[in-house]
Protein backbone atom coordinates (compact mmCIF):
# COMPACT_ATOMS: atom_id res chain seq x y z
CA MET A 1 -10.52 40.20 -9.75
CA THR A 2 -12.90 42.66 -8.50
CA GLY A 3 -13.11 43.29 -4.38
CA THR A 4 -11.55 41.42 -1.61
CA VAL A 5 -14.35 39.22 0.48
CA ASN A 6 -13.12 37.71 3.62
CA HIS A 7 -14.72 34.12 3.18
CA ASP A 8 -15.77 31.80 6.33
CA PRO A 9 -13.01 29.42 5.97
CA ARG A 10 -15.39 26.65 8.24
CA LEU A 11 -17.88 27.24 4.93
CA ALA A 12 -15.30 25.64 2.08
CA VAL A 13 -16.09 22.45 0.23
CA GLU A 14 -14.96 20.65 -2.18
CA ILE A 15 -16.36 18.81 -5.15
CA ALA A 16 -14.76 16.55 -7.70
CA GLY A 17 -11.31 18.48 -6.66
CA ILE A 18 -12.89 21.99 -7.08
CA HIS A 19 -12.74 24.27 -4.34
CA PHE A 20 -15.60 26.14 -3.28
CA ASN A 21 -15.41 29.22 -0.80
CA ASN A 22 -18.81 28.04 0.36
CA PRO A 23 -21.37 25.80 -0.48
CA VAL A 24 -23.89 27.88 -2.18
CA ILE A 25 -24.38 28.03 -5.57
CA GLY A 26 -27.21 30.00 -8.18
CA ALA A 27 -29.17 27.24 -10.19
CA SER A 28 -29.53 26.79 -14.07
CA GLY A 29 -32.26 28.67 -15.58
CA THR A 30 -32.45 30.95 -12.67
CA PHE A 31 -29.17 33.00 -12.30
CA GLY A 32 -28.80 33.68 -16.30
CA TYR A 33 -25.07 33.71 -17.29
CA GLY A 34 -24.12 34.92 -14.11
CA LEU A 35 -23.45 38.76 -15.13
CA GLU A 36 -27.22 39.51 -14.75
CA PHE A 37 -26.64 39.14 -11.25
CA ALA A 38 -23.23 40.77 -10.96
CA GLU A 39 -25.45 44.57 -10.12
CA LEU A 40 -27.65 42.89 -7.63
CA ILE A 41 -25.39 40.84 -5.27
CA ASP A 42 -21.49 40.57 -4.81
CA LEU A 43 -20.80 37.26 -7.08
CA ASN A 44 -17.75 36.69 -5.16
CA ARG A 45 -19.79 36.02 -1.80
CA ILE A 46 -21.23 32.61 -3.36
CA GLY A 47 -19.29 29.69 -3.83
CA GLY A 48 -20.50 29.54 -7.65
CA PHE A 49 -23.30 29.43 -10.32
CA SER A 50 -24.79 27.09 -12.80
CA THR A 51 -25.28 28.88 -16.15
CA LYS A 52 -28.56 28.66 -18.41
CA GLY A 53 -28.73 25.17 -20.00
CA LEU A 54 -26.28 25.66 -23.06
CA SER A 55 -26.73 24.01 -26.50
CA SER A 56 -24.12 23.39 -29.58
CA ARG A 57 -26.46 26.14 -31.02
CA PRO A 58 -28.64 29.08 -30.00
CA LEU A 59 -32.02 28.34 -29.10
CA ALA A 60 -35.02 30.73 -29.28
CA GLY A 61 -36.99 28.44 -26.71
CA THR A 62 -41.18 27.81 -26.85
CA PRO A 63 -43.55 30.75 -27.35
CA PRO A 64 -45.01 32.34 -24.25
CA PRO A 65 -47.06 32.28 -22.00
CA ARG A 66 -44.12 30.08 -20.56
CA ILE A 67 -43.76 30.85 -16.92
CA VAL A 68 -47.11 30.45 -14.47
CA GLU A 69 -47.11 30.86 -10.77
CA THR A 70 -48.25 27.97 -8.82
CA HIS A 71 -49.40 27.50 -5.16
CA GLY A 72 -45.82 26.94 -3.34
CA GLY A 73 -43.89 27.63 -6.52
CA MET A 74 -44.02 28.02 -10.13
CA LEU A 75 -43.89 25.95 -13.82
CA ASN A 76 -41.74 27.09 -16.62
CA ALA A 77 -41.77 25.98 -19.83
CA ILE A 78 -38.70 28.24 -21.34
CA GLY A 79 -37.63 25.84 -23.97
CA LEU A 80 -33.92 25.99 -22.74
CA GLN A 81 -33.56 29.24 -24.81
CA ASN A 82 -29.89 30.11 -24.70
CA ILE A 83 -27.11 31.88 -26.90
CA GLY A 84 -25.23 28.94 -27.48
CA ALA A 85 -22.09 27.31 -26.40
CA ARG A 86 -20.01 29.36 -28.32
CA ALA A 87 -21.26 32.48 -28.09
CA PHE A 88 -20.63 32.00 -24.31
CA VAL A 89 -16.99 30.69 -24.80
CA GLU A 90 -16.43 34.21 -26.90
CA GLU A 91 -19.23 36.79 -24.87
CA LYS A 92 -19.69 35.73 -21.52
CA LEU A 93 -16.63 33.83 -20.30
CA PRO A 94 -14.13 37.17 -20.81
CA LEU A 95 -16.56 39.17 -18.70
CA LEU A 96 -16.60 36.82 -16.12
CA GLU A 97 -12.73 36.30 -15.17
CA ARG A 98 -13.04 39.16 -12.82
CA TYR A 99 -15.06 37.41 -10.36
CA ASP A 100 -13.80 34.68 -7.70
CA THR A 101 -16.59 32.48 -8.12
CA ARG A 102 -17.04 28.89 -9.42
CA ILE A 103 -18.66 28.54 -13.19
CA ILE A 104 -20.41 25.28 -13.82
CA ALA A 105 -21.47 25.02 -17.64
CA ASN A 106 -25.00 23.48 -17.56
CA VAL A 107 -25.16 21.51 -20.92
CA PHE A 108 -28.56 20.12 -22.92
CA GLY A 109 -29.01 18.45 -26.08
CA TYR A 110 -31.50 16.28 -28.17
CA SER A 111 -29.28 13.58 -29.01
CA ASP A 112 -25.85 12.37 -27.48
CA GLU A 113 -24.04 13.82 -30.32
CA ASP A 114 -25.57 17.26 -29.38
CA TYR A 115 -24.18 17.09 -25.76
CA ILE A 116 -20.89 16.20 -26.97
CA GLU A 117 -20.87 19.20 -29.34
CA ALA A 118 -21.61 21.57 -27.12
CA ILE A 119 -18.88 20.09 -24.65
CA THR A 120 -16.19 20.27 -27.45
CA ILE A 121 -17.04 23.69 -27.62
CA LEU A 122 -17.07 24.69 -23.93
CA ASN A 123 -13.76 22.92 -23.64
CA ASP A 124 -12.12 25.90 -25.09
CA GLY A 125 -13.33 28.07 -22.77
CA ALA A 126 -11.08 29.18 -20.07
CA GLY A 127 -12.67 29.89 -16.60
CA ILE A 128 -15.31 27.04 -16.92
CA ASP A 129 -14.52 24.77 -13.65
CA ALA A 130 -17.14 22.23 -14.33
CA TYR A 131 -19.98 20.72 -16.34
CA GLU A 132 -23.63 19.93 -15.07
CA LEU A 133 -25.33 17.79 -17.81
CA ASN A 134 -29.18 18.25 -17.95
CA ILE A 135 -30.25 14.82 -18.91
CA SER A 136 -34.12 15.69 -18.64
CA CYS A 137 -34.31 16.42 -22.63
CA PRO A 138 -36.15 13.79 -25.03
CA ASN A 139 -33.98 11.88 -27.24
CA VAL A 140 -35.22 12.72 -30.86
CA LYS A 141 -33.00 10.37 -32.24
CA GLU A 142 -35.24 7.55 -29.76
CA GLY A 143 -38.47 8.57 -30.26
CA GLY A 144 -38.62 11.30 -27.78
CA ILE A 145 -37.37 8.99 -24.86
CA VAL A 146 -36.13 11.22 -21.74
CA ILE A 147 -32.57 10.45 -21.59
CA GLY A 148 -32.40 10.95 -17.41
CA ASN A 149 -35.51 8.54 -17.20
CA SER A 150 -33.65 5.89 -18.36
CA PRO A 151 -30.81 4.65 -16.34
CA ALA A 152 -29.12 2.95 -19.53
CA ALA A 153 -29.63 6.00 -21.63
CA ALA A 154 -28.26 8.08 -18.70
CA ALA A 155 -25.43 5.98 -18.24
CA ARG A 156 -24.33 5.68 -21.95
CA LEU A 157 -24.16 9.68 -22.43
CA THR A 158 -22.35 9.88 -19.05
CA GLU A 159 -19.66 7.67 -20.36
CA ARG A 160 -19.21 9.64 -23.68
CA ALA A 161 -19.69 13.05 -21.92
CA ARG A 162 -16.80 11.72 -19.73
CA ARG A 163 -14.52 11.03 -22.16
CA ALA A 164 -15.13 13.97 -24.17
CA SER A 165 -14.99 16.52 -21.25
CA THR A 166 -11.89 18.01 -19.94
CA ARG A 167 -13.44 19.01 -16.80
CA PRO A 168 -15.05 17.48 -13.78
CA LEU A 169 -18.79 16.02 -14.58
CA ILE A 170 -21.69 16.70 -12.48
CA VAL A 171 -24.90 14.98 -13.99
CA LYS A 172 -28.34 16.41 -12.73
CA LEU A 173 -30.87 13.96 -12.05
CA SER A 174 -34.68 14.10 -13.24
CA PRO A 175 -36.91 13.16 -10.39
CA ASN A 176 -39.75 11.71 -12.73
CA VAL A 177 -38.14 8.14 -12.47
CA THR A 178 -39.50 5.16 -10.10
CA ASP A 179 -35.92 4.52 -8.72
CA ILE A 180 -33.44 7.44 -8.18
CA ALA A 181 -30.95 5.69 -6.54
CA GLN A 182 -30.66 2.89 -9.35
CA LEU A 183 -30.39 5.99 -11.88
CA ALA A 184 -27.83 7.65 -9.70
CA ARG A 185 -25.48 4.13 -9.22
CA ALA A 186 -25.80 3.71 -13.23
CA ILE A 187 -24.58 7.28 -13.70
CA VAL A 188 -21.87 7.27 -11.23
CA GLY A 189 -20.90 3.94 -12.76
CA ALA A 190 -20.66 5.85 -16.06
CA GLY A 191 -17.80 7.87 -14.48
CA ALA A 192 -19.75 11.21 -13.41
CA ASP A 193 -17.68 12.87 -10.66
CA SER A 194 -20.68 14.68 -8.75
CA LEU A 195 -24.77 14.52 -9.24
CA SER A 196 -27.07 17.49 -8.66
CA LEU A 197 -30.55 16.78 -7.65
CA ILE A 198 -33.36 17.50 -8.28
CA ASN A 199 -34.22 19.04 -11.72
CA THR A 200 -38.14 19.86 -12.09
CA LEU A 201 -41.17 17.78 -11.65
CA VAL A 202 -43.30 17.42 -14.95
CA GLY A 203 -46.81 19.71 -14.06
CA MET A 204 -49.77 21.32 -15.40
CA SER A 205 -51.80 24.20 -14.68
CA ILE A 206 -55.23 24.67 -16.33
CA ASP A 207 -57.33 28.04 -16.95
CA ILE A 208 -60.79 26.64 -15.98
CA TYR A 209 -62.34 29.34 -18.09
CA THR A 210 -60.43 29.09 -21.14
CA ARG A 211 -60.18 25.18 -20.70
CA ARG A 212 -56.32 25.76 -21.98
CA SER A 213 -53.17 24.62 -20.50
CA ARG A 214 -51.94 28.25 -18.87
CA LEU A 215 -48.12 27.33 -20.67
CA ASN A 216 -48.32 27.47 -24.51
CA TYR A 217 -46.30 24.21 -24.41
CA GLY A 218 -48.90 22.24 -22.16
CA THR A 219 -46.80 20.72 -19.55
CA GLY A 220 -43.83 22.59 -17.47
CA GLY A 221 -41.27 22.02 -14.72
CA LEU A 222 -42.60 22.60 -11.39
CA SER A 223 -39.83 24.09 -8.89
CA GLY A 224 -40.07 26.01 -5.76
CA PRO A 225 -41.23 25.41 -2.18
CA ALA A 226 -43.65 22.98 -3.31
CA ILE A 227 -41.23 20.41 -3.97
CA ARG A 228 -38.62 20.68 -1.20
CA PRO A 229 -39.80 17.49 0.58
CA ILE A 230 -39.40 15.58 -2.74
CA ALA A 231 -36.12 16.30 -3.28
CA VAL A 232 -34.86 16.35 0.46
CA ARG A 233 -36.10 13.04 0.20
CA MET A 234 -34.47 11.81 -3.15
CA VAL A 235 -30.84 13.52 -1.72
CA HIS A 236 -31.03 11.03 1.29
CA GLU A 237 -31.70 8.07 -0.72
CA VAL A 238 -28.99 8.84 -3.39
CA ALA A 239 -26.62 9.73 -0.42
CA CYS A 240 -26.84 6.39 0.90
CA ALA A 241 -26.49 4.79 -2.74
CA VAL A 242 -23.49 6.73 -4.37
CA ASP A 243 -20.16 7.81 -2.59
CA VAL A 244 -19.73 11.41 -4.73
CA PRO A 245 -20.36 14.49 -3.84
CA LEU A 246 -24.16 15.75 -4.18
CA ILE A 247 -25.11 18.76 -4.57
CA GLY A 248 -29.23 19.28 -3.33
CA ILE A 249 -31.39 21.88 -5.38
CA GLY A 250 -35.42 22.32 -4.80
CA GLY A 251 -37.14 24.96 -3.30
CA ILE A 252 -34.49 26.29 -0.86
CA ALA A 253 -35.36 29.86 0.22
CA SER A 254 -33.51 29.74 3.18
CA VAL A 255 -30.82 28.98 5.37
CA MET A 256 -32.90 26.33 7.00
CA ASP A 257 -33.95 24.53 3.47
CA ALA A 258 -30.46 24.72 2.66
CA LEU A 259 -29.33 22.64 6.13
CA GLU A 260 -31.81 20.34 5.26
CA PHE A 261 -30.31 19.29 2.30
CA ILE A 262 -27.13 19.08 3.90
CA ILE A 263 -28.17 17.12 6.97
CA ALA A 264 -29.65 14.92 4.29
CA GLY A 265 -26.43 14.19 2.37
CA ALA A 266 -25.66 17.18 0.13
CA THR A 267 -22.05 18.80 -0.14
CA ALA A 268 -23.21 21.86 -1.58
CA ILE A 269 -26.69 23.53 -2.65
CA GLN A 270 -28.29 25.05 -5.27
CA ILE A 271 -30.69 28.03 -5.09
CA GLY A 272 -33.09 28.43 -7.88
CA THR A 273 -37.25 30.03 -8.04
CA ALA A 274 -35.96 31.85 -4.99
CA ASN A 275 -33.92 34.50 -6.84
CA TYR A 276 -36.63 35.35 -8.83
CA TYR A 277 -38.16 37.02 -5.66
CA ASP A 278 -35.30 37.97 -3.68
CA PRO A 279 -32.18 38.31 -5.79
CA ARG A 280 -30.17 38.31 -2.39
CA VAL A 281 -31.48 34.97 -1.13
CA THR A 282 -27.72 33.06 -2.15
CA VAL A 283 -25.76 35.88 -0.31
CA LYS A 284 -28.54 35.52 2.74
CA VAL A 285 -28.18 31.62 3.08
CA VAL A 286 -23.95 32.22 3.10
CA ASP A 287 -24.67 34.41 5.85
CA GLY A 288 -26.94 32.54 7.88
CA LEU A 289 -24.72 29.20 7.34
CA SER A 290 -22.08 30.94 9.48
CA GLU A 291 -24.66 32.15 11.99
CA TYR A 292 -25.25 28.41 12.22
CA LEU A 293 -22.08 26.95 12.93
CA ASP A 294 -21.50 29.64 15.32
CA ARG A 295 -24.85 28.94 17.19
CA THR A 296 -24.22 25.15 17.46
CA ASP A 297 -20.71 25.12 17.79
CA SER A 298 -20.23 22.94 14.68
CA PRO A 299 -16.60 22.97 13.25
CA ASN A 300 -17.48 23.58 9.84
CA ILE A 301 -20.11 22.61 7.39
CA GLY A 302 -18.71 19.39 5.85
CA SER A 303 -19.13 18.05 9.64
CA LEU A 304 -23.07 18.24 9.24
CA THR A 305 -23.34 16.57 5.47
CA GLY A 306 -25.07 13.32 5.91
CA SER A 307 -25.25 13.75 9.65
CA ILE A 308 -29.10 12.60 9.66
CA ILE A 309 -29.97 10.68 12.78
CA LYS A 310 -31.15 7.53 11.29
CA ASP A 311 -32.21 5.04 14.49
CA GLN A 312 -35.51 7.18 14.72
CA PRO A 313 -38.66 4.91 15.84
């Protein structure tokens, strides 16, 4: 294990029986397979990271252009490019053993069977701490219905994944729904150990001179500070609806942003888009949380989870 880090014990959190040294996690799709950041930050300093989405077989993704900057964020249509679950187990995991950080394997597919196949492969990988199901994918066997937009489809997949998985199961919620609390209750009822939220919102950007979408795919996932108020609201709604640990995601770029999610009801947070322009943002937020506990005389980070004052006029 590389290096020795003196972790602030006040920042330790537990999710589905997994001990995290602190609640700061690199978000899927922005943190590669973890190793890409090893030369930029000390991976031992952060609570963990969620890998790029892993499928049962490698995927090349969509043709460029597939990222475009927007006001307060970015749109992406990467197409879930990845090396595949087997290559991750054989090539990446052995190199991650040296780090004292939790590894969450993000998993996706285009049918229930795809997810189960990927999980079955990953079950053989030593060092993975949990799975995070990306359910914002169209089910090609059901006419393209997005799994995460249907409580029934999401619950069915969760139940099957729970049976196949040898590790705790986190389900990443899509915000592109009418009632995210209803979706959360269905997924928790089907056996999810934890929920992460939110995934990106569907958006579009048009070049007014070519009159074409700026993304080859047409639409893309909107992330970054622009979506943070929506994400905070959804975390609060879900915290009031279910009794499992939540991981808040959406436009977090500072310790103040992270604390909003924690006070709204999140046990931990994931940082995504900000990693692109400030690769050290995760470590900065870890330090900032310790400083906040000092300033406010708070005993630990857990005392802040869900501490929002609700009796406002």
